[in-house]
Protein backbone atom coordinates (compact mmCIF):
# COMPACT_ATOMS: atom_id res chain seq x y z
CA MET A 1 0.13 0.24 -0.16
CA ASP A 2 1.61 3.32 -1.05
CA ASP A 3 2.07 5.04 2.63
CA ALA A 4 0.73 8.32 1.58
CA SER A 5 -2.54 6.54 0.49
CA LEU A 6 -4.32 6.95 3.94
CA ASP A 7 -4.01 9.70 5.99
CA PRO A 8 -1.80 9.21 9.06
CA LEU A 9 -4.58 9.70 11.64
CA ASP A 10 -6.69 6.84 9.96
CA ARG A 11 -3.53 4.30 9.61
CA LEU A 12 -2.95 5.11 13.22
CA THR A 13 -6.57 4.51 14.43
CA ALA A 14 -6.07 1.63 12.20
CA GLU A 15 -3.37 0.12 14.02
CA ARG A 16 -4.86 0.89 17.15
CA ALA A 17 -8.06 -1.30 16.42
CA CYS A 18 -5.89 -4.37 15.12
CA GLU A 19 -3.53 -4.03 18.42
CA ARG A 20 -6.64 -3.82 19.90
CA LEU A 21 -8.13 -7.07 18.70
CA ILE A 22 -4.98 -8.73 19.55
CA VAL A 23 -5.65 -8.16 23.12
CA GLU A 24 -9.13 -8.81 23.39
CA PHE A 25 -8.17 -12.17 22.09
CA VAL A 26 -5.92 -13.15 25.09
CA HIS A 27 -7.79 -10.91 27.54
CA GLU A 28 -11.30 -13.27 26.80
CA LEU A 29 -9.88 -16.39 26.61
CA ASP A 30 -7.57 -15.61 30.26
CA LEU A 31 -9.66 -13.60 32.00
CA GLY A 32 -13.19 -13.47 30.56
CA GLU A 33 -15.33 -15.77 28.45
CA PRO A 34 -13.64 -18.04 26.18
CA GLY A 35 -16.43 -18.38 23.51
CA ARG A 36 -16.42 -14.35 23.21
CA VAL A 37 -13.38 -14.65 21.20
CA ALA A 38 -15.87 -15.29 18.06
CA ALA A 39 -17.19 -12.34 17.95
CA LEU A 40 -13.63 -10.96 17.61
CA PHE A 41 -13.39 -13.08 13.86
CA THR A 42 -15.51 -12.28 10.27
CA ALA A 43 -18.02 -14.19 9.77
CA ASP A 44 -16.00 -16.80 7.60
CA GLY A 45 -12.80 -16.34 10.54
CA VAL A 46 -10.33 -18.75 10.28
CA TRP A 47 -8.02 -20.18 13.78
CA GLU A 48 -5.14 -22.06 12.14
CA TRP A 49 -2.51 -24.08 14.84
CA ALA A 50 -0.41 -26.00 12.70
CA GLU A 51 0.38 -28.71 15.59
CA GLY A 52 -1.79 -30.94 15.73
CA ASP A 53 -3.53 -29.60 12.17
CA ARG A 54 -6.18 -27.58 13.51
CA ARG A 55 -7.98 -25.53 11.81
CA ILE A 56 -11.54 -24.03 12.76
CA GLU A 57 -13.38 -21.93 10.47
CA GLY A 58 -16.39 -19.96 10.74
CA ARG A 59 -18.49 -18.17 14.13
CA ASP A 60 -20.38 -20.92 14.83
CA GLY A 61 -17.01 -23.33 14.75
CA LEU A 62 -14.76 -20.77 16.78
CA ARG A 63 -17.31 -19.98 19.83
CA ALA A 64 -17.58 -24.12 20.07
CA TYR A 65 -13.74 -25.13 20.00
CA PHE A 66 -12.66 -21.78 22.65
CA GLY A 67 -15.93 -22.35 24.47
CA ALA A 68 -15.01 -25.72 25.32
CA ARG A 69 -11.97 -24.50 27.22
CA PRO A 70 -11.69 -26.74 30.42
CA ALA A 71 -13.57 -24.43 33.12
CA ASP A 72 -10.51 -25.36 36.04
CA ARG A 73 -7.59 -24.17 33.28
CA LEU A 74 -5.92 -20.97 34.78
CA SER A 75 -4.36 -18.96 32.24
CA ARG A 76 -2.16 -15.66 31.10
CA ARG A 77 -0.98 -14.93 28.51
CA ILE A 78 1.84 -12.32 27.63
CA CYS A 79 1.43 -10.63 23.81
CA THR A 80 4.76 -8.22 22.88
CA ASN A 81 6.47 -6.84 19.59
CA ILE A 82 3.06 -6.29 18.28
CA LEU A 83 3.71 -5.07 14.90
CA VAL A 84 0.64 -4.12 12.56
CA THR A 85 1.33 -3.29 9.01
CA LEU A 86 -1.94 -1.75 7.08
CA THR A 87 -2.00 -3.52 3.58
CA SER A 88 -5.06 -1.46 2.47
CA ALA A 89 -7.58 0.87 3.80
CA SER A 90 -9.21 -2.37 4.67
CA MET A 91 -6.69 -5.08 5.26
CA ALA A 92 -4.47 -5.32 7.66
CA THR A 93 -1.35 -8.02 8.79
CA ALA A 94 0.40 -8.43 12.16
CA THR A 95 2.59 -10.65 13.66
CA THR A 96 2.54 -10.84 18.14
CA TYR A 97 4.94 -12.78 20.06
CA PHE A 98 3.35 -14.36 22.98
CA THR A 99 4.48 -16.38 26.24
CA THR A 100 1.66 -18.82 28.05
CA TYR A 101 1.47 -19.81 31.64
CA ARG A 102 -1.05 -22.36 31.81
CA VAL A 103 -2.40 -25.08 34.49
CA ASP A 104 -5.57 -27.04 34.59
CA GLY A 105 -7.18 -28.35 37.61
CA HIS A 106 -7.24 -24.92 39.68
CA SER A 107 -9.43 -24.32 42.35
CA GLY A 108 -8.57 -20.87 43.20
CA GLY A 109 -6.06 -19.44 44.67
CA MET A 110 -2.55 -18.26 43.97
CA LEU A 111 0.06 -20.79 42.54
CA PRO A 112 3.91 -20.96 42.76
CA PRO A 113 5.55 -19.68 39.14
CA ARG A 114 5.85 -22.22 37.03
CA PRO A 115 8.06 -22.46 33.50
CA PRO A 116 5.55 -21.13 30.31
CA THR A 117 3.75 -23.84 28.76
CA GLN A 118 4.14 -22.06 25.36
CA VAL A 119 6.37 -19.45 23.20
CA GLY A 120 5.47 -18.45 19.50
CA HIS A 121 3.66 -15.51 18.06
CA TYR A 122 0.47 -15.10 16.10
CA GLU A 123 0.26 -14.50 12.24
CA ASP A 124 -3.26 -12.48 12.02
CA THR A 125 -4.58 -10.92 9.03
CA PHE A 126 -7.38 -8.60 9.66
CA ARG A 127 -10.44 -7.12 7.43
CA LYS A 128 -12.20 -3.93 8.08
CA VAL A 129 -16.53 -4.93 8.12
CA GLY A 130 -19.14 -2.70 8.35
CA GLY A 131 -16.73 -0.24 9.97
CA ARG A 132 -15.33 -2.20 12.25
CA TRP A 133 -11.77 -4.22 12.13
CA LEU A 134 -12.10 -8.01 13.09
CA LEU A 135 -9.77 -10.62 12.77
CA SER A 136 -10.32 -12.88 9.60
CA ARG A 137 -7.10 -15.09 10.23
CA ARG A 138 -4.98 -16.21 13.32
CA ALA A 139 -2.48 -18.49 12.69
CA LEU A 140 -0.55 -19.58 16.00
CA PHE A 141 3.33 -21.09 15.43
CA LEU A 142 5.45 -22.58 18.65
CA ALA A 143 8.87 -22.24 18.57
CA PHE A 144 8.44 -23.57 22.58
CA GLY A 145 5.71 -25.78 23.90
CA GLY A 146 5.32 -28.45 26.44
CA PRO A 147 2.03 -30.11 27.99
CA THR A 148 -0.10 -28.20 30.42
CA GLU A 149 0.28 -28.86 33.54
CA ASN A 150 -3.00 -30.44 35.84
CA VAL A 151 -2.46 -29.37 39.84
CA GLY A 152 -5.28 -31.32 40.85
CA GLY A 153 -7.16 -28.74 42.29
CA ALA A 154 -4.24 -27.60 44.43
CA GLY A 155 -4.41 -24.04 45.10
CA GLY A 156 -3.73 -21.66 48.19
CA ASN A 157 -2.67 -18.38 48.60
CA LEU A 158 1.24 -17.88 49.08
């Protein structure tokens, strides 16, 4: 896209809207309602994870996939190095590094620190639909990963 083809304020607003989607996605998974991430995608949105050949398409599929997250899962995702690139006035891409801390079997309270379960990056494609920026495709790539520990109800305050 020609840099002169978009007003600088419009470019900044679009980049910020895409960055916000990235943050909203992990916020819903960690602190909100995981099934709601489907609303951040276009109607034909796609989630891909090469590991295990996971590919989920469409809002209903995304809602079911993310909504099936175990209720006793405790997770926190740290996103950094968010680089959004506008490719047109209604399309953008982004690369975001992430680190995931996660356990299953959590019944409450603070846990002792653990190493990350995953470290990788997301590659996103965004599309502006009806004046709103949405994810049209998110692909997850892991550089480091391991199983999710089950703490079997261990909780407690430190």
